[in-house]
Amino acid sequence: MIIPIAILNGGFREYVLLKLGGLDTILQEKGNCYLYEKMGYRKTGKTEKINDRLTLVFYEK
């Protein structure tokens, strides 16, 4: 099951996909990474480069 989540970040709405037991977010958005790590998620070590400015990083609980 995949659940979309909207996050307000500096006045901009960002979307991430929450997956059962894991999620992914934009690596360059340090605030998002910090939030998920504070919520108990740990990086899996997997990343996916979308383009020069966007890399997805994967987390799991």
C-alpha atoms as a PDB file:
ATOM      1  CA  MET A   1       0.000   0.000   0.000  1.00  0.00           C
ATOM      2  CA  ILE A   2       1.332   3.463  -0.938  1.00  0.00           C
ATOM      3  CA  ILE A   3       0.086   6.624   0.778  1.00  0.00           C
ATOM      4  CA  PRO A   4       0.880  10.113  -0.623  1.00  0.00           C
ATOM      5  CA  ILE A   5       1.742  12.701   2.034  1.00  0.00           C
ATOM      6  CA  ALA A   6       1.871  16.468   1.494  1.00  0.00           C
ATOM      7  CA  ILE A   7       4.426  18.446   3.534  1.00  0.00           C
ATOM      8  CA  LEU A   8       4.633  22.222   3.709  1.00  0.00           C
ATOM      9  CA  ASN A   9       8.265  23.272   3.450  1.00  0.00           C
ATOM     10  CA  GLY A  10       9.047  26.978   3.382  1.00  0.00           C
ATOM     11  CA  GLY A  11       5.669  27.805   1.884  1.00  0.00           C
ATOM     12  CA  PHE A  12       5.948  25.107  -0.790  1.00  0.00           C
ATOM     13  CA  ARG A  13       3.971  21.901  -0.770  1.00  0.00           C
ATOM     14  CA  GLU A  14       6.043  18.775  -1.346  1.00  0.00           C
ATOM     15  CA  TYR A  15       4.770  15.268  -1.796  1.00  0.00           C
ATOM     16  CA  VAL A  16       6.383  12.048  -0.674  1.00  0.00           C
ATOM     17  CA  LEU A  17       5.131   8.500  -0.942  1.00  0.00           C
ATOM     18  CA  LEU A  18       4.792   6.567   2.296  1.00  0.00           C
ATOM     19  CA  LYS A  19       5.095   2.840   1.727  1.00  0.00           C
ATOM     20  CA  LEU A  20       4.312   0.135   4.240  1.00  0.00           C
ATOM     21  CA  GLY A  21       7.428  -0.092   6.391  1.00  0.00           C
ATOM     22  CA  GLY A  22       9.349   2.382   4.258  1.00  0.00           C
ATOM     23  CA  LEU A  23       9.331   5.636   2.358  1.00  0.00           C
ATOM     24  CA  ASP A  24      11.384   7.697  -0.055  1.00  0.00           C
ATOM     25  CA  THR A  25      12.072  11.409  -0.203  1.00  0.00           C
ATOM     26  CA  ILE A  26      14.358  13.883  -1.932  1.00  0.00           C
ATOM     27  CA  LEU A  27      17.941  13.608  -0.661  1.00  0.00           C
ATOM     28  CA  GLN A  28      18.601  17.312  -1.251  1.00  0.00           C
ATOM     29  CA  GLU A  29      15.750  18.265   1.129  1.00  0.00           C
ATOM     30  CA  LYS A  30      17.749  18.004   4.359  1.00  0.00           C
ATOM     31  CA  GLY A  31      14.755  19.036   6.486  1.00  0.00           C
ATOM     32  CA  ASN A  32      12.708  16.093   5.223  1.00  0.00           C
ATOM     33  CA  CYS A  33      15.565  13.668   5.859  1.00  0.00           C
ATOM     34  CA  TYR A  34      15.999  15.043   9.386  1.00  0.00           C
ATOM     35  CA  LEU A  35      12.255  14.737  10.085  1.00  0.00           C
ATOM     36  CA  TYR A  36      12.033  11.104   8.973  1.00  0.00           C
ATOM     37  CA  GLU A  37      15.139  10.152  10.940  1.00  0.00           C
ATOM     38  CA  LYS A  38      13.636  11.793  14.049  1.00  0.00           C
ATOM     39  CA  MET A  39      10.469   9.740  13.423  1.00  0.00           C
ATOM     40  CA  GLY A  40      12.550   6.553  13.651  1.00  0.00           C
ATOM     41  CA  TYR A  41      13.207   5.835   9.973  1.00  0.00           C
ATOM     42  CA  ARG A  42      16.686   4.681   8.929  1.00  0.00           C
ATOM     43  CA  LYS A  43      18.303   5.028   5.497  1.00  0.00           C
ATOM     44  CA  THR A  44      18.407   1.748   3.589  1.00  0.00           C
ATOM     45  CA  GLY A  45      21.491   2.778   1.611  1.00  0.00           C
ATOM     46  CA  LYS A  46      19.501   2.744  -1.623  1.00  0.00           C
ATOM     47  CA  THR A  47      19.321   5.938  -3.682  1.00  0.00           C
ATOM     48  CA  GLU A  48      17.907   6.651  -7.126  1.00  0.00           C
ATOM     49  CA  LYS A  49      19.278   9.551  -9.155  1.00  0.00           C
ATOM     50  CA  ILE A  50      16.463  11.167 -11.133  1.00  0.00           C
ATOM     51  CA  ASN A  51      18.540  14.001 -12.610  1.00  0.00           C
ATOM     52  CA  ASP A  52      21.470  16.278 -11.653  1.00  0.00           C
ATOM     53  CA  ARG A  53      19.374  18.128  -9.071  1.00  0.00           C
ATOM     54  CA  LEU A  54      17.152  15.366  -7.664  1.00  0.00           C
ATOM     55  CA  THR A  55      18.074  12.106  -5.952  1.00  0.00           C
ATOM     56  CA  LEU A  56      15.627   9.940  -4.040  1.00  0.00           C
ATOM     57  CA  VAL A  57      16.769   8.343  -0.790  1.00  0.00           C
ATOM     58  CA  PHE A  58      14.941   5.368   0.706  1.00  0.00           C
ATOM     59  CA  TYR A  59      14.072   4.807   4.375  1.00  0.00           C
ATOM     60  CA  GLU A  60      12.565   1.969   6.399  1.00  0.00           C
ATOM     61  CA  LYS A  61      11.363   1.522   9.961  1.00  0.00           C
END
